[in-house]
Amino acid sequence: AGAMKWMLSKEKRQEHVIGFPDTFAIGPIH
């Protein structure tokens, strides 16, 4: 998430980034 936000700021793009902690990578979020 931090890398994506940094890259978007360098490109001067006004886009949003939502970052979930790594613990959500274990299976279905729902």
PDB file of all heavy atoms in Angstrom:
ATOM      1  N   ALA A   1       0.829  -1.206   0.000  1.00  0.00           N
ATOM      2  CA  ALA A   1       0.000   0.000   0.000  1.00  0.00           C
ATOM      3  C   ALA A   1       0.865   1.258   0.000  1.00  0.00           C
ATOM      4  O   ALA A   1       0.603   2.209  -0.739  1.00  0.00           O
ATOM      5  CB  ALA A   1      -0.938   0.000   1.206  1.00  0.00           C
ATOM      6  N   GLY A   2       1.908   1.253   0.809  1.00  0.00           N
ATOM      7  CA  GLY A   2       2.807   2.406   0.852  1.00  0.00           C
ATOM      8  C   GLY A   2       3.518   2.634  -0.466  1.00  0.00           C
ATOM      9  O   GLY A   2       3.654   3.768  -0.927  1.00  0.00           O
ATOM     10  N   ALA A   3       3.969   1.549  -1.085  1.00  0.00           N
ATOM     11  CA  ALA A   3       4.651   1.667  -2.374  1.00  0.00           C
ATOM     12  C   ALA A   3       3.705   2.181  -3.453  1.00  0.00           C
ATOM     13  O   ALA A   3       4.084   3.012  -4.288  1.00  0.00           O
ATOM     14  CB  ALA A   3       5.239   0.314  -2.786  1.00  0.00           C
ATOM     15  N   MET A   4       2.468   1.705  -3.420  1.00  0.00           N
ATOM     16  CA  MET A   4       1.473   2.138  -4.405  1.00  0.00           C
ATOM     17  C   MET A   4       1.149   3.625  -4.227  1.00  0.00           C
ATOM     18  O   MET A   4       1.075   4.373  -5.200  1.00  0.00           O
ATOM     19  CB  MET A   4       0.209   1.294  -4.248  1.00  0.00           C
ATOM     20  CG  MET A   4      -0.800   1.518  -5.315  1.00  0.00           C
ATOM     21  SD  MET A   4      -0.282   0.682  -6.806  1.00  0.00           S
ATOM     22  CE  MET A   4      -1.848   0.371  -7.526  1.00  0.00           C
ATOM     23  N   LYS A   5       0.979   4.060  -2.977  1.00  0.00           N
ATOM     24  CA  LYS A   5       0.712   5.481  -2.702  1.00  0.00           C
ATOM     25  C   LYS A   5       1.886   6.344  -3.161  1.00  0.00           C
ATOM     26  O   LYS A   5       1.690   7.419  -3.733  1.00  0.00           O
ATOM     27  CB  LYS A   5       0.460   5.699  -1.216  1.00  0.00           C
ATOM     28  CG  LYS A   5      -0.866   5.159  -0.761  1.00  0.00           C
ATOM     29  CD  LYS A   5      -1.035   5.348   0.738  1.00  0.00           C
ATOM     30  CE  LYS A   5      -2.328   4.749   1.222  1.00  0.00           C
ATOM     31  NZ  LYS A   5      -2.519   4.912   2.667  1.00  0.00           N
ATOM     32  N   TRP A   6       3.112   5.882  -2.905  1.00  0.00           N
ATOM     33  CA  TRP A   6       4.299   6.643  -3.304  1.00  0.00           C
ATOM     34  C   TRP A   6       4.364   6.777  -4.822  1.00  0.00           C
ATOM     35  O   TRP A   6       4.607   7.849  -5.352  1.00  0.00           O
ATOM     36  CB  TRP A   6       5.550   5.951  -2.772  1.00  0.00           C
ATOM     37  CG  TRP A   6       6.816   6.646  -3.163  1.00  0.00           C
ATOM     38  CD1 TRP A   6       7.362   7.736  -2.565  1.00  0.00           C
ATOM     39  CD2 TRP A   6       7.657   6.306  -4.262  1.00  0.00           C
ATOM     40  NE1 TRP A   6       8.515   8.089  -3.220  1.00  0.00           N
ATOM     41  CE2 TRP A   6       8.722   7.225  -4.276  1.00  0.00           C
ATOM     42  CE3 TRP A   6       7.620   5.314  -5.227  1.00  0.00           C
ATOM     43  CZ2 TRP A   6       9.725   7.182  -5.214  1.00  0.00           C
ATOM     44  CZ3 TRP A   6       8.631   5.275  -6.167  1.00  0.00           C
ATOM     45  CH2 TRP A   6       9.664   6.192  -6.156  1.00  0.00           C
ATOM     46  N   MET A   7       4.135   5.658  -5.522  1.00  0.00           N
ATOM     47  CA  MET A   7       4.187   5.667  -6.982  1.00  0.00           C
ATOM     48  C   MET A   7       3.125   6.607  -7.555  1.00  0.00           C
ATOM     49  O   MET A   7       3.394   7.385  -8.467  1.00  0.00           O
ATOM     50  CB  MET A   7       3.978   4.251  -7.528  1.00  0.00           C
ATOM     51  CG  MET A   7       4.142   4.088  -9.028  1.00  0.00           C
ATOM     52  SD  MET A   7       2.704   4.477 -10.068  1.00  0.00           S
ATOM     53  CE  MET A   7       1.442   3.446  -9.396  1.00  0.00           C
ATOM     54  N   LEU A   8       1.926   6.546  -7.009  1.00  0.00           N
ATOM     55  CA  LEU A   8       0.853   7.409  -7.504  1.00  0.00           C
ATOM     56  C   LEU A   8       1.163   8.887  -7.249  1.00  0.00           C
ATOM     57  O   LEU A   8       0.852   9.740  -8.080  1.00  0.00           O
ATOM     58  CB  LEU A   8      -0.482   7.018  -6.864  1.00  0.00           C
ATOM     59  CG  LEU A   8      -1.044   5.669  -7.305  1.00  0.00           C
ATOM     60  CD1 LEU A   8      -2.225   5.272  -6.428  1.00  0.00           C
ATOM     61  CD2 LEU A   8      -1.439   5.684  -8.767  1.00  0.00           C
ATOM     62  N   SER A   9       1.785   9.192  -6.107  1.00  0.00           N
ATOM     63  CA  SER A   9       2.130  10.585  -5.819  1.00  0.00           C
ATOM     64  C   SER A   9       3.217  11.087  -6.763  1.00  0.00           C
ATOM     65  O   SER A   9       3.203  12.248  -7.176  1.00  0.00           O
ATOM     66  CB  SER A   9       2.566  10.751  -4.370  1.00  0.00           C
ATOM     67  OG  SER A   9       3.833  10.176  -4.143  1.00  0.00           O
ATOM     68  N   LYS A  10       4.171  10.225  -7.114  1.00  0.00           N
ATOM     69  CA  LYS A  10       5.226  10.614  -8.059  1.00  0.00           C
ATOM     70  C   LYS A  10       4.658  10.885  -9.444  1.00  0.00           C
ATOM     71  O   LYS A  10       5.178  11.726 -10.180  1.00  0.00           O
ATOM     72  CB  LYS A  10       6.305   9.526  -8.157  1.00  0.00           C
ATOM     73  CG  LYS A  10       7.151   9.409  -6.932  1.00  0.00           C
ATOM     74  CD  LYS A  10       7.971  10.656  -6.774  1.00  0.00           C
ATOM     75  CE  LYS A  10       8.872  10.556  -5.573  1.00  0.00           C
ATOM     76  NZ  LYS A  10       9.584  11.805  -5.324  1.00  0.00           N
ATOM     77  N   GLU A  11       3.613  10.162  -9.813  1.00  0.00           N
ATOM     78  CA  GLU A  11       2.954  10.350 -11.108  1.00  0.00           C
ATOM     79  C   GLU A  11       1.903  11.456 -11.053  1.00  0.00           C
ATOM     80  O   GLU A  11       1.253  11.727 -12.058  1.00  0.00           O
ATOM     81  CB  GLU A  11       2.302   9.036 -11.561  1.00  0.00           C
ATOM     82  CG  GLU A  11       3.291   7.926 -11.841  1.00  0.00           C
ATOM     83  CD  GLU A  11       4.142   8.206 -13.059  1.00  0.00           C
ATOM     84  OE1 GLU A  11       3.615   8.714 -14.061  1.00  0.00           O
ATOM     85  OE2 GLU A  11       5.355   7.914 -13.010  1.00  0.00           O
ATOM     86  N   LYS A  12       1.723  12.062  -9.856  1.00  0.00           N
ATOM     87  CA  LYS A  12       0.744  13.128  -9.628  1.00  0.00           C
ATOM     88  C   LYS A  12      -0.675  12.682 -10.003  1.00  0.00           C
ATOM     89  O   LYS A  12      -1.442  13.420 -10.600  1.00  0.00           O
ATOM     90  CB  LYS A  12       1.136  14.403 -10.364  1.00  0.00           C
ATOM     91  CG  LYS A  12       2.481  14.948  -9.933  1.00  0.00           C
ATOM     92  CD  LYS A  12       2.739  16.317 -10.459  1.00  0.00           C
ATOM     93  CE  LYS A  12       4.066  16.894 -10.129  1.00  0.00           C
ATOM     94  NZ  LYS A  12       4.857  16.426  -9.084  1.00  0.00           N
ATOM     95  N   ARG A  13      -0.977  11.452  -9.636  1.00  0.00           N
ATOM     96  CA  ARG A  13      -2.308  10.893  -9.896  1.00  0.00           C
ATOM     97  C   ARG A  13      -3.126  10.948  -8.612  1.00  0.00           C
ATOM     98  O   ARG A  13      -2.648  10.604  -7.540  1.00  0.00           O
ATOM     99  CB  ARG A  13      -2.189   9.465 -10.407  1.00  0.00           C
ATOM    100  CG  ARG A  13      -1.513   9.431 -11.775  1.00  0.00           C
ATOM    101  CD  ARG A  13      -1.137   8.068 -12.235  1.00  0.00           C
ATOM    102  NE  ARG A  13      -2.274   7.176 -12.372  1.00  0.00           N
ATOM    103  CZ  ARG A  13      -2.168   5.943 -12.866  1.00  0.00           C
ATOM    104  NH1 ARG A  13      -1.003   5.479 -13.257  1.00  0.00           N
ATOM    105  NH2 ARG A  13      -3.227   5.189 -12.958  1.00  0.00           N
ATOM    106  N   GLN A  14      -4.352  11.389  -8.718  1.00  0.00           N
ATOM    107  CA  GLN A  14      -5.255  11.509  -7.573  1.00  0.00           C
ATOM    108  C   GLN A  14      -6.115  10.250  -7.458  1.00  0.00           C
ATOM    109  O   GLN A  14      -7.305  10.271  -7.742  1.00  0.00           O
ATOM    110  CB  GLN A  14      -6.134  12.760  -7.735  1.00  0.00           C
ATOM    111  CG  GLN A  14      -5.349  14.043  -7.806  1.00  0.00           C
ATOM    112  CD  GLN A  14      -4.596  14.318  -6.516  1.00  0.00           C
ATOM    113  OE1 GLN A  14      -5.120  14.125  -5.432  1.00  0.00           O
ATOM    114  NE2 GLN A  14      -3.361  14.769  -6.630  1.00  0.00           N
ATOM    115  N   GLU A  15      -5.513   9.150  -7.050  1.00  0.00           N
ATOM    116  CA  GLU A  15      -6.206   7.881  -6.906  1.00  0.00           C
ATOM    117  C   GLU A  15      -6.077   7.410  -5.467  1.00  0.00           C
ATOM    118  O   GLU A  15      -5.138   7.768  -4.774  1.00  0.00           O
ATOM    119  CB  GLU A  15      -5.634   6.849  -7.879  1.00  0.00           C
ATOM    120  CG  GLU A  15      -5.783   7.273  -9.323  1.00  0.00           C
ATOM    121  CD  GLU A  15      -5.166   6.293 -10.311  1.00  0.00           C
ATOM    122  OE1 GLU A  15      -4.857   5.161  -9.922  1.00  0.00           O
ATOM    123  OE2 GLU A  15      -5.011   6.693 -11.477  1.00  0.00           O
ATOM    124  N   HIS A  16      -7.028   6.625  -5.023  1.00  0.00           N
ATOM    125  CA  HIS A  16      -7.050   6.142  -3.646  1.00  0.00           C
ATOM    126  C   HIS A  16      -6.491   4.732  -3.554  1.00  0.00           C
ATOM    127  O   HIS A  16      -6.661   3.935  -4.467  1.00  0.00           O
ATOM    128  CB  HIS A  16      -8.479   6.162  -3.106  1.00  0.00           C
ATOM    129  CG  HIS A  16      -9.056   7.539  -3.038  1.00  0.00           C
ATOM    130  ND1 HIS A  16      -8.782   8.405  -2.010  1.00  0.00           N
ATOM    131  CD2 HIS A  16      -9.874   8.202  -3.885  1.00  0.00           C
ATOM    132  CE1 HIS A  16      -9.410   9.543  -2.216  1.00  0.00           C
ATOM    133  NE2 HIS A  16     -10.085   9.446  -3.357  1.00  0.00           N
ATOM    134  N   VAL A  17      -5.844   4.454  -2.424  1.00  0.00           N
ATOM    135  CA  VAL A  17      -5.296   3.122  -2.161  1.00  0.00           C
ATOM    136  C   VAL A  17      -5.863   2.640  -0.829  1.00  0.00           C
ATOM    137  O   VAL A  17      -5.792   3.340   0.176  1.00  0.00           O
ATOM    138  CB  VAL A  17      -3.757   3.143  -2.091  1.00  0.00           C
ATOM    139  CG1 VAL A  17      -3.213   1.771  -1.728  1.00  0.00           C
ATOM    140  CG2 VAL A  17      -3.168   3.628  -3.404  1.00  0.00           C
ATOM    141  N   ILE A  18      -6.444   1.448  -0.845  1.00  0.00           N
ATOM    142  CA  ILE A  18      -6.906   0.801   0.379  1.00  0.00           C
ATOM    143  C   ILE A  18      -5.998  -0.397   0.604  1.00  0.00           C
ATOM    144  O   ILE A  18      -5.905  -1.279  -0.252  1.00  0.00           O
ATOM    145  CB  ILE A  18      -8.364   0.346   0.258  1.00  0.00           C
ATOM    146  CG1 ILE A  18      -9.277   1.556   0.034  1.00  0.00           C
ATOM    147  CG2 ILE A  18      -8.788  -0.440   1.498  1.00  0.00           C
ATOM    148  CD1 ILE A  18     -10.713   1.187  -0.262  1.00  0.00           C
ATOM    149  N   GLY A  19      -5.310  -0.415   1.734  1.00  0.00           N
ATOM    150  CA  GLY A  19      -4.393  -1.504   2.041  1.00  0.00           C
ATOM    151  C   GLY A  19      -4.887  -2.326   3.215  1.00  0.00           C
ATOM    152  O   GLY A  19      -5.154  -1.782   4.279  1.00  0.00           O
ATOM    153  N   PHE A  20      -5.042  -3.624   3.006  1.00  0.00           N
ATOM    154  CA  PHE A  20      -5.410  -4.535   4.082  1.00  0.00           C
ATOM    155  C   PHE A  20      -4.140  -5.135   4.662  1.00  0.00           C
ATOM    156  O   PHE A  20      -3.187  -5.405   3.932  1.00  0.00           O
ATOM    157  CB  PHE A  20      -6.292  -5.678   3.553  1.00  0.00           C
ATOM    158  CG  PHE A  20      -7.684  -5.244   3.193  1.00  0.00           C
ATOM    159  CD1 PHE A  20      -8.047  -5.088   1.871  1.00  0.00           C
ATOM    160  CD2 PHE A  20      -8.622  -5.001   4.184  1.00  0.00           C
ATOM    161  CE1 PHE A  20      -9.336  -4.698   1.533  1.00  0.00           C
ATOM    162  CE2 PHE A  20      -9.909  -4.614   3.853  1.00  0.00           C
ATOM    163  CZ  PHE A  20     -10.261  -4.461   2.529  1.00  0.00           C
ATOM    164  N   PRO A  21      -4.138  -5.412   5.966  1.00  0.00           N
ATOM    165  CA  PRO A  21      -2.977  -6.092   6.560  1.00  0.00           C
ATOM    166  C   PRO A  21      -2.766  -7.460   5.919  1.00  0.00           C
ATOM    167  O   PRO A  21      -3.702  -8.050   5.380  1.00  0.00           O
ATOM    168  CB  PRO A  21      -3.358  -6.243   8.030  1.00  0.00           C
ATOM    169  CG  PRO A  21      -4.499  -5.328   8.260  1.00  0.00           C
ATOM    170  CD  PRO A  21      -5.164  -5.118   6.945  1.00  0.00           C
ATOM    171  N   ASP A  22      -1.563  -7.972   6.024  1.00  0.00           N
ATOM    172  CA  ASP A  22      -1.240  -9.271   5.435  1.00  0.00           C
ATOM    173  C   ASP A  22      -2.112 -10.405   5.958  1.00  0.00           C
ATOM    174  O   ASP A  22      -2.298 -11.417   5.287  1.00  0.00           O
ATOM    175  CB  ASP A  22       0.221  -9.624   5.676  1.00  0.00           C
ATOM    176  CG  ASP A  22       1.155  -8.809   4.818  1.00  0.00           C
ATOM    177  OD1 ASP A  22       0.755  -8.390   3.731  1.00  0.00           O
ATOM    178  OD2 ASP A  22       2.299  -8.609   5.251  1.00  0.00           O
ATOM    179  N   THR A  23      -2.670 -10.263   7.161  1.00  0.00           N
ATOM    180  CA  THR A  23      -3.463 -11.347   7.737  1.00  0.00           C
ATOM    181  C   THR A  23      -4.723 -11.634   6.928  1.00  0.00           C
ATOM    182  O   THR A  23      -5.321 -12.690   7.090  1.00  0.00           O
ATOM    183  CB  THR A  23      -3.857 -11.028   9.188  1.00  0.00           C
ATOM    184  OG1 THR A  23      -4.539  -9.774   9.223  1.00  0.00           O
ATOM    185  CG2 THR A  23      -2.635 -10.982  10.080  1.00  0.00           C
ATOM    186  N   PHE A  24      -5.152 -10.732   6.073  1.00  0.00           N
ATOM    187  CA  PHE A  24      -6.323 -10.971   5.236  1.00  0.00           C
ATOM    188  C   PHE A  24      -5.992 -11.828   4.019  1.00  0.00           C
ATOM    189  O   PHE A  24      -6.875 -12.161   3.246  1.00  0.00           O
ATOM    190  CB  PHE A  24      -6.937  -9.655   4.761  1.00  0.00           C
ATOM    191  CG  PHE A  24      -7.730  -8.956   5.827  1.00  0.00           C
ATOM    192  CD1 PHE A  24      -7.330  -7.736   6.310  1.00  0.00           C
ATOM    193  CD2 PHE A  24      -8.872  -9.535   6.341  1.00  0.00           C
ATOM    194  CE1 PHE A  24      -8.066  -7.087   7.283  1.00  0.00           C
ATOM    195  CE2 PHE A  24      -9.608  -8.899   7.321  1.00  0.00           C
ATOM    196  CZ  PHE A  24      -9.202  -7.672   7.797  1.00  0.00           C
ATOM    197  N   ALA A  25      -4.745 -12.190   3.825  1.00  0.00           N
ATOM    198  CA  ALA A  25      -4.360 -12.987   2.670  1.00  0.00           C
ATOM    199  C   ALA A  25      -4.590 -14.485   2.903  1.00  0.00           C
ATOM    200  O   ALA A  25      -4.208 -15.293   2.084  1.00  0.00           O
ATOM    201  CB  ALA A  25      -2.891 -12.736   2.328  1.00  0.00           C
ATOM    202  N   ILE A  26      -5.270 -14.849   3.997  1.00  0.00           N
ATOM    203  CA  ILE A  26      -5.435 -16.265   4.329  1.00  0.00           C
ATOM    204  C   ILE A  26      -6.656 -16.908   3.697  1.00  0.00           C
ATOM    205  O   ILE A  26      -6.785 -18.110   3.715  1.00  0.00           O
ATOM    206  CB  ILE A  26      -5.487 -16.473   5.859  1.00  0.00           C
ATOM    207  CG1 ILE A  26      -6.665 -15.738   6.473  1.00  0.00           C
ATOM    208  CG2 ILE A  26      -4.166 -16.095   6.483  1.00  0.00           C
ATOM    209  CD1 ILE A  26      -6.899 -16.052   7.927  1.00  0.00           C
ATOM    210  N   GLY A  27      -7.584 -16.156   3.213  1.00  0.00           N
ATOM    211  CA  GLY A  27      -8.772 -16.763   2.630  1.00  0.00           C
ATOM    212  C   GLY A  27      -9.820 -15.728   2.281  1.00  0.00           C
ATOM    213  O   GLY A  27      -9.526 -14.542   2.233  1.00  0.00           O
ATOM    214  N   PRO A  28     -11.052 -16.155   2.070  1.00  0.00           N
ATOM    215  CA  PRO A  28     -12.110 -15.227   1.677  1.00  0.00           C
ATOM    216  C   PRO A  28     -12.355 -14.160   2.745  1.00  0.00           C
ATOM    217  O   PRO A  28     -12.522 -14.495   3.916  1.00  0.00           O
ATOM    218  CB  PRO A  28     -13.346 -16.114   1.525  1.00  0.00           C
ATOM    219  CG  PRO A  28     -12.842 -17.509   1.462  1.00  0.00           C
ATOM    220  CD  PRO A  28     -11.522 -17.525   2.163  1.00  0.00           C
ATOM    221  N   ILE A  29     -12.387 -12.916   2.349  1.00  0.00           N
ATOM    222  CA  ILE A  29     -12.623 -11.826   3.293  1.00  0.00           C
ATOM    223  C   ILE A  29     -14.051 -11.882   3.827  1.00  0.00           C
ATOM    224  O   ILE A  29     -14.296 -11.627   4.992  1.00  0.00           O
ATOM    225  CB  ILE A  29     -12.348 -10.462   2.628  1.00  0.00           C
ATOM    226  CG1 ILE A  29     -10.871 -10.342   2.306  1.00  0.00           C
ATOM    227  CG2 ILE A  29     -12.783  -9.316   3.515  1.00  0.00           C
ATOM    228  CD1 ILE A  29     -10.519  -9.115   1.529  1.00  0.00           C
ATOM    229  N   HIS A  30     -14.992 -12.259   2.991  1.00  0.00           N
ATOM    230  CA  HIS A  30     -16.404 -12.212   3.403  1.00  0.00           C
ATOM    231  C   HIS A  30     -16.745 -13.199   4.506  1.00  0.00           C
ATOM    232  O   HIS A  30     -17.777 -13.081   5.137  1.00  0.00           O
ATOM    233  CB  HIS A  30     -17.318 -12.415   2.191  1.00  0.00           C
ATOM    234  CG  HIS A  30     -17.312 -13.814   1.644  1.00  0.00           C
ATOM    235  ND1 HIS A  30     -16.322 -14.270   0.803  1.00  0.00           N
ATOM    236  CD2 HIS A  30     -18.152 -14.845   1.831  1.00  0.00           C
ATOM    237  CE1 HIS A  30     -16.563 -15.524   0.487  1.00  0.00           C
ATOM    238  NE2 HIS A  30     -17.675 -15.899   1.097  1.00  0.00           N
TER     239      HIS A  30
END
